[in-house]
């Protein structure tokens, strides 16, 4: 019988470590503060974008794609487009890029 180990088990921790760090840095940023402060509340995209702009400048706003589901709509996913290899940088030094397709 073939090895049925999950894909995540085969990915070295060193590969995932930058992403775990990135996740923590975003949680500790003005965006993370905004999300924690407004948990369960209705907010506008403009308010979220303002938090992103405070954290990383107005040029970074287009790099954030939000997915909301339900009625009322709840934020269920956030995608962030970074320039290549920026996952190795500290949060204050991210270079965001607009996603290839608008979303």
PDB file of N, CA and C in Angstrom:
ATOM      1  N   UNK A   1       0.849  -1.178   0.000  1.00  0.00           N
ATOM      2  CA  UNK A   1       0.000   0.000   0.000  1.00  0.00           C
ATOM      3  C   UNK A   1       0.894   1.242   0.000  1.00  0.00           C
ATOM      4  N   UNK A   2       0.588   2.250  -0.839  1.00  0.00           N
ATOM      5  CA  UNK A   2       1.428   3.442  -0.911  1.00  0.00           C
ATOM      6  C   UNK A   2       1.351   4.249   0.379  1.00  0.00           C
ATOM      7  N   UNK A   3       2.383   5.047   0.588  1.00  0.00           N
ATOM      8  CA  UNK A   3       2.409   5.936   1.746  1.00  0.00           C
ATOM      9  C   UNK A   3       1.305   6.974   1.591  1.00  0.00           C
ATOM     10  N   UNK A   4       0.422   7.074   2.565  1.00  0.00           N
ATOM     11  CA  UNK A   4      -0.718   7.979   2.490  1.00  0.00           C
ATOM     12  C   UNK A   4      -0.516   9.216   3.366  1.00  0.00           C
ATOM     13  N   UNK A   5       0.727   9.584   3.618  1.00  0.00           N
ATOM     14  CA  UNK A   5       1.006  10.767   4.442  1.00  0.00           C
ATOM     15  C   UNK A   5       0.421  12.002   3.776  1.00  0.00           C
ATOM     16  N   UNK A   6      -0.037  12.918   4.577  1.00  0.00           N
ATOM     17  CA  UNK A   6      -0.612  14.143   4.024  1.00  0.00           C
ATOM     18  C   UNK A   6       0.472  14.973   3.355  1.00  0.00           C
ATOM     19  N   UNK A   7       0.048  15.838   2.459  1.00  0.00           N
ATOM     20  CA  UNK A   7       1.002  16.704   1.766  1.00  0.00           C
ATOM     21  C   UNK A   7       1.718  17.602   2.759  1.00  0.00           C
ATOM     22  N   UNK A   8       1.010  18.075   3.774  1.00  0.00           N
ATOM     23  CA  UNK A   8       1.642  18.971   4.737  1.00  0.00           C
ATOM     24  C   UNK A   8       2.736  18.269   5.521  1.00  0.00           C
ATOM     25  N   UNK A   9       2.630  16.969   5.703  1.00  0.00           N
ATOM     26  CA  UNK A   9       3.659  16.234   6.436  1.00  0.00           C
ATOM     27  C   UNK A   9       4.951  16.153   5.638  1.00  0.00           C
ATOM     28  N   UNK A  10       4.854  16.280   4.329  1.00  0.00           N
ATOM     29  CA  UNK A  10       6.047  16.173   3.497  1.00  0.00           C
ATOM     30  C   UNK A  10       6.728  17.521   3.266  1.00  0.00           C
ATOM     31  N   UNK A  11       6.096  18.614   3.689  1.00  0.00           N
ATOM     32  CA  UNK A  11       6.686  19.940   3.512  1.00  0.00           C
ATOM     33  C   UNK A  11       7.572  20.237   4.713  1.00  0.00           C
ATOM     34  N   UNK A  12       8.839  20.527   4.503  1.00  0.00           N
ATOM     35  CA  UNK A  12       9.729  20.793   5.633  1.00  0.00           C
ATOM     36  C   UNK A  12       9.283  22.014   6.435  1.00  0.00           C
ATOM     37  N   UNK A  13       9.485  21.947   7.729  1.00  0.00           N
ATOM     38  CA  UNK A  13       9.122  23.052   8.614  1.00  0.00           C
ATOM     39  C   UNK A  13       9.811  24.341   8.188  1.00  0.00           C
ATOM     40  N   UNK A  14      11.028  24.249   7.713  1.00  0.00           N
ATOM     41  CA  UNK A  14      11.754  25.445   7.278  1.00  0.00           C
ATOM     42  C   UNK A  14      11.027  26.165   6.149  1.00  0.00           C
ATOM     43  N   UNK A  15      10.300  25.422   5.329  1.00  0.00           N
ATOM     44  CA  UNK A  15       9.540  26.027   4.240  1.00  0.00           C
ATOM     45  C   UNK A  15       8.331  26.773   4.775  1.00  0.00           C
ATOM     46  N   UNK A  16       7.681  26.230   5.782  1.00  0.00           N
ATOM     47  CA  UNK A  16       6.473  26.846   6.328  1.00  0.00           C
ATOM     48  C   UNK A  16       6.762  27.939   7.346  1.00  0.00           C
ATOM     49  N   UNK A  17       7.917  27.927   7.958  1.00  0.00           N
ATOM     50  CA  UNK A  17       8.233  28.881   9.022  1.00  0.00           C
ATOM     51  C   UNK A  17       8.045  30.337   8.606  1.00  0.00           C
ATOM     52  N   UNK A  18       8.486  30.754   7.411  1.00  0.00           N
ATOM     53  CA  UNK A  18       8.260  32.156   7.034  1.00  0.00           C
ATOM     54  C   UNK A  18       6.781  32.515   6.963  1.00  0.00           C
ATOM     55  N   UNK A  19       5.947  31.555   6.553  1.00  0.00           N
ATOM     56  CA  UNK A  19       4.513  31.837   6.448  1.00  0.00           C
ATOM     57  C   UNK A  19       3.880  31.935   7.826  1.00  0.00           C
ATOM     58  N   UNK A  20       4.329  31.125   8.769  1.00  0.00           N
ATOM     59  CA  UNK A  20       3.820  31.243  10.137  1.00  0.00           C
ATOM     60  C   UNK A  20       4.227  32.591  10.727  1.00  0.00           C
ATOM     61  N   UNK A  21       5.465  33.010  10.451  1.00  0.00           N
ATOM     62  CA  UNK A  21       5.938  34.306  10.937  1.00  0.00           C
ATOM     63  C   UNK A  21       5.136  35.437  10.300  1.00  0.00           C
ATOM     64  N   UNK A  22       4.904  35.353   9.006  1.00  0.00           N
ATOM     65  CA  UNK A  22       4.120  36.360   8.302  1.00  0.00           C
ATOM     66  C   UNK A  22       2.726  36.465   8.896  1.00  0.00           C
ATOM     67  N   UNK A  23       2.098  35.334   9.167  1.00  0.00           N
ATOM     68  CA  UNK A  23       0.775  35.321   9.773  1.00  0.00           C
ATOM     69  C   UNK A  23       0.795  36.053  11.117  1.00  0.00           C
ATOM     70  N   UNK A  24       1.782  35.769  11.951  1.00  0.00           N
ATOM     71  CA  UNK A  24       1.886  36.423  13.249  1.00  0.00           C
ATOM     72  C   UNK A  24       2.131  37.914  13.135  1.00  0.00           C
ATOM     73  N   UNK A  25       2.966  38.314  12.189  1.00  0.00           N
ATOM     74  CA  UNK A  25       3.255  39.736  12.012  1.00  0.00           C
ATOM     75  C   UNK A  25       2.024  40.494  11.539  1.00  0.00           C
ATOM     76  N   UNK A  26       1.232  39.889  10.676  1.00  0.00           N
ATOM     77  CA  UNK A  26       0.005  40.545  10.224  1.00  0.00           C
ATOM     78  C   UNK A  26      -0.986  40.651  11.377  1.00  0.00           C
ATOM     79  N   UNK A  27      -1.085  39.619  12.197  1.00  0.00           N
ATOM     80  CA  UNK A  27      -1.978  39.679  13.359  1.00  0.00           C
ATOM     81  C   UNK A  27      -1.589  40.812  14.304  1.00  0.00           C
ATOM     82  N   UNK A  28      -0.294  41.119  14.410  1.00  0.00           N
ATOM     83  CA  UNK A  28       0.177  42.174  15.310  1.00  0.00           C
ATOM     84  C   UNK A  28       0.205  43.553  14.642  1.00  0.00           C
ATOM     85  N   UNK A  29      -0.223  43.647  13.401  1.00  0.00           N
ATOM     86  CA  UNK A  29      -0.204  44.904  12.649  1.00  0.00           C
ATOM     87  C   UNK A  29      -1.503  45.679  12.874  1.00  0.00           C
ATOM     88  N   UNK A  30      -1.601  46.909  12.360  1.00  0.00           N
ATOM     89  CA  UNK A  30      -2.870  47.638  12.424  1.00  0.00           C
ATOM     90  C   UNK A  30      -4.031  46.875  11.766  1.00  0.00           C
ATOM     91  N   UNK A  31      -3.736  46.056  10.764  1.00  0.00           N
ATOM     92  CA  UNK A  31      -4.793  45.243  10.139  1.00  0.00           C
ATOM     93  C   UNK A  31      -5.292  44.188  11.125  1.00  0.00           C
ATOM     94  N   UNK A  32      -4.383  43.521  11.810  1.00  0.00           N
ATOM     95  CA  UNK A  32      -4.770  42.551  12.829  1.00  0.00           C
ATOM     96  C   UNK A  32      -5.551  43.201  13.952  1.00  0.00           C
ATOM     97  N   UNK A  33      -5.107  44.391  14.385  1.00  0.00           N
ATOM     98  CA  UNK A  33      -5.837  45.133  15.421  1.00  0.00           C
ATOM     99  C   UNK A  33      -7.246  45.474  14.950  1.00  0.00           C
ATOM    100  N   UNK A  34      -7.361  45.911  13.694  1.00  0.00           N
ATOM    101  CA  UNK A  34      -8.663  46.258  13.127  1.00  0.00           C
ATOM    102  C   UNK A  34      -9.588  45.043  13.126  1.00  0.00           C
ATOM    103  N   UNK A  35      -9.086  43.905  12.659  1.00  0.00           N
ATOM    104  CA  UNK A  35      -9.908  42.694  12.604  1.00  0.00           C
ATOM    105  C   UNK A  35     -10.330  42.251  14.000  1.00  0.00           C
ATOM    106  N   UNK A  36      -9.424  42.312  14.963  1.00  0.00           N
ATOM    107  CA  UNK A  36      -9.758  41.907  16.334  1.00  0.00           C
ATOM    108  C   UNK A  36     -10.771  42.862  16.958  1.00  0.00           C
ATOM    109  N   UNK A  37     -10.589  44.145  16.739  1.00  0.00           N
ATOM    110  CA  UNK A  37     -11.490  45.154  17.325  1.00  0.00           C
ATOM    111  C   UNK A  37     -12.902  45.037  16.763  1.00  0.00           C
ATOM    112  N   UNK A  38     -13.007  44.688  15.501  1.00  0.00           N
ATOM    113  CA  UNK A  38     -14.313  44.664  14.831  1.00  0.00           C
ATOM    114  C   UNK A  38     -14.862  43.256  14.624  1.00  0.00           C
ATOM    115  N   UNK A  39     -14.313  42.278  15.338  1.00  0.00           N
ATOM    116  CA  UNK A  39     -14.774  40.890  15.217  1.00  0.00           C
ATOM    117  C   UNK A  39     -16.278  40.820  15.457  1.00  0.00           C
ATOM    118  N   UNK A  40     -17.015  40.223  14.525  1.00  0.00           N
ATOM    119  CA  UNK A  40     -18.459  40.061  14.655  1.00  0.00           C
ATOM    120  C   UNK A  40     -19.261  41.299  14.311  1.00  0.00           C
ATOM    121  N   UNK A  41     -18.604  42.364  13.909  1.00  0.00           N
ATOM    122  CA  UNK A  41     -19.291  43.613  13.579  1.00  0.00           C
ATOM    123  C   UNK A  41     -19.348  43.799  12.066  1.00  0.00           C
ATOM    124  N   UNK A  42     -20.242  44.659  11.655  1.00  0.00           N
ATOM    125  CA  UNK A  42     -20.324  45.037  10.253  1.00  0.00           C
ATOM    126  C   UNK A  42     -19.357  46.189  10.016  1.00  0.00           C
ATOM    127  N   UNK A  43     -18.509  46.036   9.029  1.00  0.00           N
ATOM    128  CA  UNK A  43     -17.561  47.092   8.661  1.00  0.00           C
ATOM    129  C   UNK A  43     -17.567  47.243   7.148  1.00  0.00           C
ATOM    130  N   UNK A  44     -17.106  48.375   6.694  1.00  0.00           N
ATOM    131  CA  UNK A  44     -17.039  48.604   5.249  1.00  0.00           C
ATOM    132  C   UNK A  44     -15.665  48.215   4.714  1.00  0.00           C
ATOM    133  N   UNK A  45     -15.627  47.969   3.430  1.00  0.00           N
ATOM    134  CA  UNK A  45     -14.342  47.692   2.777  1.00  0.00           C
ATOM    135  C   UNK A  45     -13.438  48.916   2.904  1.00  0.00           C
ATOM    136  N   UNK A  46     -14.031  50.112   2.843  1.00  0.00           N
ATOM    137  CA  UNK A  46     -13.237  51.339   2.969  1.00  0.00           C
ATOM    138  C   UNK A  46     -12.549  51.414   4.329  1.00  0.00           C
ATOM    139  N   UNK A  47     -13.231  50.974   5.390  1.00  0.00           N
ATOM    140  CA  UNK A  47     -12.619  50.974   6.725  1.00  0.00           C
ATOM    141  C   UNK A  47     -11.459  49.976   6.784  1.00  0.00           C
ATOM    142  N   UNK A  48     -11.657  48.800   6.198  1.00  0.00           N
ATOM    143  CA  UNK A  48     -10.576  47.813   6.150  1.00  0.00           C
ATOM    144  C   UNK A  48      -9.400  48.365   5.348  1.00  0.00           C
ATOM    145  N   UNK A  49      -9.696  48.942   4.189  1.00  0.00           N
ATOM    146  CA  UNK A  49      -8.642  49.504   3.341  1.00  0.00           C
ATOM    147  C   UNK A  49      -7.856  50.590   4.071  1.00  0.00           C
ATOM    148  N   UNK A  50      -8.541  51.382   4.895  1.00  0.00           N
ATOM    149  CA  UNK A  50      -7.862  52.432   5.667  1.00  0.00           C
ATOM    150  C   UNK A  50      -6.867  51.816   6.652  1.00  0.00           C
ATOM    151  N   UNK A  51      -7.230  50.682   7.261  1.00  0.00           N
ATOM    152  CA  UNK A  51      -6.310  49.998   8.178  1.00  0.00           C
ATOM    153  C   UNK A  51      -5.088  49.480   7.424  1.00  0.00           C
ATOM    154  N   UNK A  52      -5.302  48.939   6.236  1.00  0.00           N
ATOM    155  CA  UNK A  52      -4.183  48.460   5.411  1.00  0.00           C
ATOM    156  C   UNK A  52      -3.282  49.636   5.035  1.00  0.00           C
ATOM    157  N   UNK A  53      -3.887  50.744   4.628  1.00  0.00           N
ATOM    158  CA  UNK A  53      -3.107  51.921   4.232  1.00  0.00           C
ATOM    159  C   UNK A  53      -2.302  52.470   5.405  1.00  0.00           C
ATOM    160  N   UNK A  54      -2.880  52.443   6.614  1.00  0.00           N
ATOM    161  CA  UNK A  54      -2.132  52.896   7.799  1.00  0.00           C
ATOM    162  C   UNK A  54      -0.928  51.995   8.055  1.00  0.00           C
ATOM    163  N   UNK A  55      -1.105  50.717   7.814  1.00  0.00           N
ATOM    164  CA  UNK A  55      -0.034  49.757   8.092  1.00  0.00           C
ATOM    165  C   UNK A  55       1.069  49.809   7.042  1.00  0.00           C
ATOM    166  N   UNK A  56       0.706  49.813   5.771  1.00  0.00           N
ATOM    167  CA  UNK A  56       1.703  49.630   4.712  1.00  0.00           C
ATOM    168  C   UNK A  56       1.597  50.627   3.563  1.00  0.00           C
ATOM    169  N   UNK A  57       0.780  51.652   3.709  1.00  0.00           N
ATOM    170  CA  UNK A  57       0.652  52.666   2.673  1.00  0.00           C
ATOM    171  C   UNK A  57      -0.487  52.374   1.716  1.00  0.00           C
ATOM    172  N   UNK A  58      -1.010  53.431   1.074  1.00  0.00           N
ATOM    173  CA  UNK A  58      -2.181  53.271   0.203  1.00  0.00           C
ATOM    174  C   UNK A  58      -1.942  52.372  -1.004  1.00  0.00           C
ATOM    175  N   UNK A  59      -0.708  52.266  -1.459  1.00  0.00           N
ATOM    176  CA  UNK A  59      -0.404  51.425  -2.620  1.00  0.00           C
ATOM    177  C   UNK A  59      -0.613  49.946  -2.320  1.00  0.00           C
ATOM    178  N   UNK A  60      -0.651  49.570  -1.046  1.00  0.00           N
ATOM    179  CA  UNK A  60      -0.778  48.157  -0.667  1.00  0.00           C
ATOM    180  C   UNK A  60      -2.224  47.664  -0.638  1.00  0.00           C
ATOM    181  N   UNK A  61      -3.184  48.572  -0.685  1.00  0.00           N
ATOM    182  CA  UNK A  61      -4.595  48.199  -0.535  1.00  0.00           C
ATOM    183  C   UNK A  61      -5.036  47.190  -1.594  1.00  0.00           C
ATOM    184  N   UNK A  62      -4.611  47.370  -2.833  1.00  0.00           N
ATOM    185  CA  UNK A  62      -5.038  46.479  -3.921  1.00  0.00           C
ATOM    186  C   UNK A  62      -4.475  45.069  -3.795  1.00  0.00           C
ATOM    187  N   UNK A  63      -3.506  44.872  -2.923  1.00  0.00           N
ATOM    188  CA  UNK A  63      -2.902  43.547  -2.750  1.00  0.00           C
ATOM    189  C   UNK A  63      -3.742  42.636  -1.861  1.00  0.00           C
ATOM    190  N   UNK A  64      -4.785  43.172  -1.236  1.00  0.00           N
ATOM    191  CA  UNK A  64      -5.620  42.400  -0.315  1.00  0.00           C
ATOM    192  C   UNK A  64      -6.938  42.036  -0.982  1.00  0.00           C
ATOM    193  N   UNK A  65      -7.190  40.743  -1.102  1.00  0.00           N
ATOM    194  CA  UNK A  65      -8.458  40.242  -1.637  1.00  0.00           C
ATOM    195  C   UNK A  65      -9.220  39.620  -0.474  1.00  0.00           C
ATOM    196  N   UNK A  66     -10.442  40.073  -0.268  1.00  0.00           N
ATOM    197  CA  UNK A  66     -11.280  39.558   0.812  1.00  0.00           C
ATOM    198  C   UNK A  66     -12.407  38.723   0.228  1.00  0.00           C
ATOM    199  N   UNK A  67     -12.714  37.621   0.887  1.00  0.00           N
ATOM    200  CA  UNK A  67     -13.849  36.787   0.513  1.00  0.00           C
ATOM    201  C   UNK A  67     -14.796  36.746   1.698  1.00  0.00           C
ATOM    202  N   UNK A  68     -16.049  37.097   1.445  1.00  0.00           N
ATOM    203  CA  UNK A  68     -17.072  37.087   2.489  1.00  0.00           C
ATOM    204  C   UNK A  68     -18.193  36.153   2.056  1.00  0.00           C
ATOM    205  N   UNK A  69     -18.791  35.461   3.023  1.00  0.00           N
ATOM    206  CA  UNK A  69     -19.878  34.526   2.734  1.00  0.00           C
ATOM    207  C   UNK A  69     -20.987  34.682   3.754  1.00  0.00           C
ATOM    208  N   UNK A  70     -22.201  34.345   3.329  1.00  0.00           N
ATOM    209  CA  UNK A  70     -23.345  34.336   4.218  1.00  0.00           C
ATOM    210  C   UNK A  70     -24.162  35.609   4.136  1.00  0.00           C
ATOM    211  N   UNK A  71     -25.223  35.638   4.957  1.00  0.00           N
ATOM    212  CA  UNK A  71     -26.092  36.799   5.045  1.00  0.00           C
ATOM    213  C   UNK A  71     -26.502  36.961   6.498  1.00  0.00           C
ATOM    214  N   UNK A  72     -25.904  37.842   7.254  1.00  0.00           N
ATOM    215  CA  UNK A  72     -24.951  38.846   6.790  1.00  0.00           C
ATOM    216  C   UNK A  72     -23.625  38.206   6.402  1.00  0.00           C
ATOM    217  N   UNK A  73     -22.885  38.915   5.571  1.00  0.00           N
ATOM    218  CA  UNK A  73     -21.622  38.387   5.060  1.00  0.00           C
ATOM    219  C   UNK A  73     -20.535  38.450   6.122  1.00  0.00           C
ATOM    220  N   UNK A  74     -19.854  37.330   6.314  1.00  0.00           N
ATOM    221  CA  UNK A  74     -18.729  37.244   7.241  1.00  0.00           C
ATOM    222  C   UNK A  74     -17.446  37.038   6.451  1.00  0.00           C
ATOM    223  N   UNK A  75     -16.380  37.683   6.907  1.00  0.00           N
ATOM    224  CA  UNK A  75     -15.079  37.498   6.277  1.00  0.00           C
ATOM    225  C   UNK A  75     -14.628  36.065   6.512  1.00  0.00           C
ATOM    226  N   UNK A  76     -14.414  35.339   5.431  1.00  0.00           N
ATOM    227  CA  UNK A  76     -14.012  33.940   5.547  1.00  0.00           C
ATOM    228  C   UNK A  76     -12.613  33.677   5.000  1.00  0.00           C
ATOM    229  N   UNK A  77     -12.088  34.608   4.211  1.00  0.00           N
ATOM    230  CA  UNK A  77     -10.761  34.394   3.634  1.00  0.00           C
ATOM    231  C   UNK A  77     -10.135  35.733   3.286  1.00  0.00           C
ATOM    232  N   UNK A  78      -8.826  35.817   3.470  1.00  0.00           N
ATOM    233  CA  UNK A  78      -8.076  36.999   3.073  1.00  0.00           C
ATOM    234  C   UNK A  78      -6.842  36.515   2.318  1.00  0.00           C
ATOM    235  N   UNK A  79      -6.682  37.000   1.095  1.00  0.00           N
ATOM    236  CA  UNK A  79      -5.506  36.663   0.288  1.00  0.00           C
ATOM    237  C   UNK A  79      -4.662  37.921   0.130  1.00  0.00           C
ATOM    238  N   UNK A  80      -3.361  37.770   0.286  1.00  0.00           N
ATOM    239  CA  UNK A  80      -2.445  38.903   0.192  1.00  0.00           C
ATOM    240  C   UNK A  80      -1.419  38.596  -0.890  1.00  0.00           C
ATOM    241  N   UNK A  81      -1.314  39.478  -1.860  1.00  0.00           N
ATOM    242  CA  UNK A  81      -0.340  39.307  -2.942  1.00  0.00           C
ATOM    243  C   UNK A  81       0.953  40.017  -2.569  1.00  0.00           C
ATOM    244  N   UNK A  82       2.027  39.241  -2.472  1.00  0.00           N
ATOM    245  CA  UNK A  82       3.350  39.789  -2.186  1.00  0.00           C
ATOM    246  C   UNK A  82       4.232  39.630  -3.409  1.00  0.00           C
ATOM    247  N   UNK A  83       5.175  40.523  -3.545  1.00  0.00           N
ATOM    248  CA  UNK A  83       6.162  40.334  -4.603  1.00  0.00           C
ATOM    249  C   UNK A  83       7.023  39.140  -4.237  1.00  0.00           C
ATOM    250  N   UNK A  84       7.557  38.518  -5.210  1.00  0.00           N
ATOM    251  CA  UNK A  84       8.323  37.287  -5.034  1.00  0.00           C
ATOM    252  C   UNK A  84       9.373  37.416  -3.931  1.00  0.00           C
ATOM    253  N   UNK A  85       9.443  36.409  -3.094  1.00  0.00           N
ATOM    254  CA  UNK A  85      10.416  36.264  -2.010  1.00  0.00           C
ATOM    255  C   UNK A  85      10.201  37.216  -0.835  1.00  0.00           C
ATOM    256  N   UNK A  86       9.155  38.015  -0.851  1.00  0.00           N
ATOM    257  CA  UNK A  86       8.943  38.939   0.262  1.00  0.00           C
ATOM    258  C   UNK A  86       8.456  38.252   1.523  1.00  0.00           C
ATOM    259  N   UNK A  87       8.068  36.994   1.454  1.00  0.00           N
ATOM    260  CA  UNK A  87       7.668  36.292   2.671  1.00  0.00           C
ATOM    261  C   UNK A  87       8.843  36.174   3.640  1.00  0.00           C
ATOM    262  N   UNK A  88      10.064  36.399   3.177  1.00  0.00           N
ATOM    263  CA  UNK A  88      11.243  36.342   4.042  1.00  0.00           C
ATOM    264  C   UNK A  88      11.497  37.671   4.757  1.00  0.00           C
ATOM    265  N   UNK A  89      10.840  38.734   4.334  1.00  0.00           N
ATOM    266  CA  UNK A  89      11.070  40.060   4.906  1.00  0.00           C
ATOM    267  C   UNK A  89      10.227  40.263   6.162  1.00  0.00           C
ATOM    268  N   UNK A  90      10.661  41.177   7.054  1.00  0.00           N
ATOM    269  CA  UNK A  90       9.796  41.561   8.173  1.00  0.00           C
ATOM    270  C   UNK A  90       8.574  42.303   7.641  1.00  0.00           C
ATOM    271  N   UNK A  91       7.484  42.324   8.406  1.00  0.00           N
ATOM    272  CA  UNK A  91       6.216  42.897   7.946  1.00  0.00           C
ATOM    273  C   UNK A  91       6.364  44.329   7.462  1.00  0.00           C
ATOM    274  N   UNK A  92       7.145  45.130   8.117  1.00  0.00           N
ATOM    275  CA  UNK A  92       7.297  46.516   7.719  1.00  0.00           C
ATOM    276  C   UNK A  92       7.990  46.694   6.383  1.00  0.00           C
ATOM    277  N   UNK A  93       8.533  45.628   5.830  1.00  0.00           N
ATOM    278  CA  UNK A  93       9.280  45.709   4.583  1.00  0.00           C
ATOM    279  C   UNK A  93       8.636  44.920   3.446  1.00  0.00           C
ATOM    280  N   UNK A  94       7.372  44.554   3.592  1.00  0.00           N
ATOM    281  CA  UNK A  94       6.690  43.835   2.523  1.00  0.00           C
ATOM    282  C   UNK A  94       6.601  44.720   1.290  1.00  0.00           C
ATOM    283  N   UNK A  95       6.685  44.107   0.139  1.00  0.00           N
ATOM    284  CA  UNK A  95       6.410  44.789  -1.121  1.00  0.00           C
ATOM    285  C   UNK A  95       5.182  44.107  -1.697  1.00  0.00           C
ATOM    286  N   UNK A  96       4.056  44.764  -1.592  1.00  0.00           N
ATOM    287  CA  UNK A  96       2.800  44.192  -2.049  1.00  0.00           C
ATOM    288  C   UNK A  96       2.674  44.371  -3.548  1.00  0.00           C
ATOM    289  N   UNK A  97       1.930  43.470  -4.162  1.00  0.00           N
ATOM    290  CA  UNK A  97       1.648  43.600  -5.584  1.00  0.00           C
ATOM    291  C   UNK A  97       0.168  43.346  -5.788  1.00  0.00           C
ATOM    292  N   UNK A  98      -0.397  44.064  -6.736  1.00  0.00           N
ATOM    293  CA  UNK A  98      -1.803  43.840  -7.052  1.00  0.00           C
ATOM    294  C   UNK A  98      -1.945  42.437  -7.621  1.00  0.00           C
ATOM    295  N   UNK A  99      -3.037  41.740  -7.288  1.00  0.00           N
ATOM    296  CA  UNK A  99      -3.223  40.392  -7.822  1.00  0.00           C
ATOM    297  C   UNK A  99      -3.353  40.415  -9.341  1.00  0.00           C
ATOM    298  N   UNK A 100      -3.040  39.297  -9.959  1.00  0.00           N
ATOM    299  CA  UNK A 100      -3.103  39.194 -11.417  1.00  0.00           C
ATOM    300  C   UNK A 100      -4.509  39.449 -11.937  1.00  0.00           C
ATOM    301  N   UNK A 101      -5.512  38.967 -11.213  1.00  0.00           N
ATOM    302  CA  UNK A 101      -6.895  39.220 -11.617  1.00  0.00           C
ATOM    303  C   UNK A 101      -7.598  39.949 -10.481  1.00  0.00           C
ATOM    304  N   UNK A 102      -8.401  40.960 -10.799  1.00  0.00           N
ATOM    305  CA  UNK A 102      -9.050  41.727  -9.737  1.00  0.00           C
ATOM    306  C   UNK A 102      -9.987  40.849  -8.926  1.00  0.00           C
ATOM    307  N   UNK A 103     -10.099  41.158  -7.644  1.00  0.00           N
ATOM    308  CA  UNK A 103     -10.967  40.356  -6.803  1.00  0.00           C
ATOM    309  C   UNK A 103     -11.432  41.045  -5.586  1.00  0.00           C
TER     310      UNK A 103
END
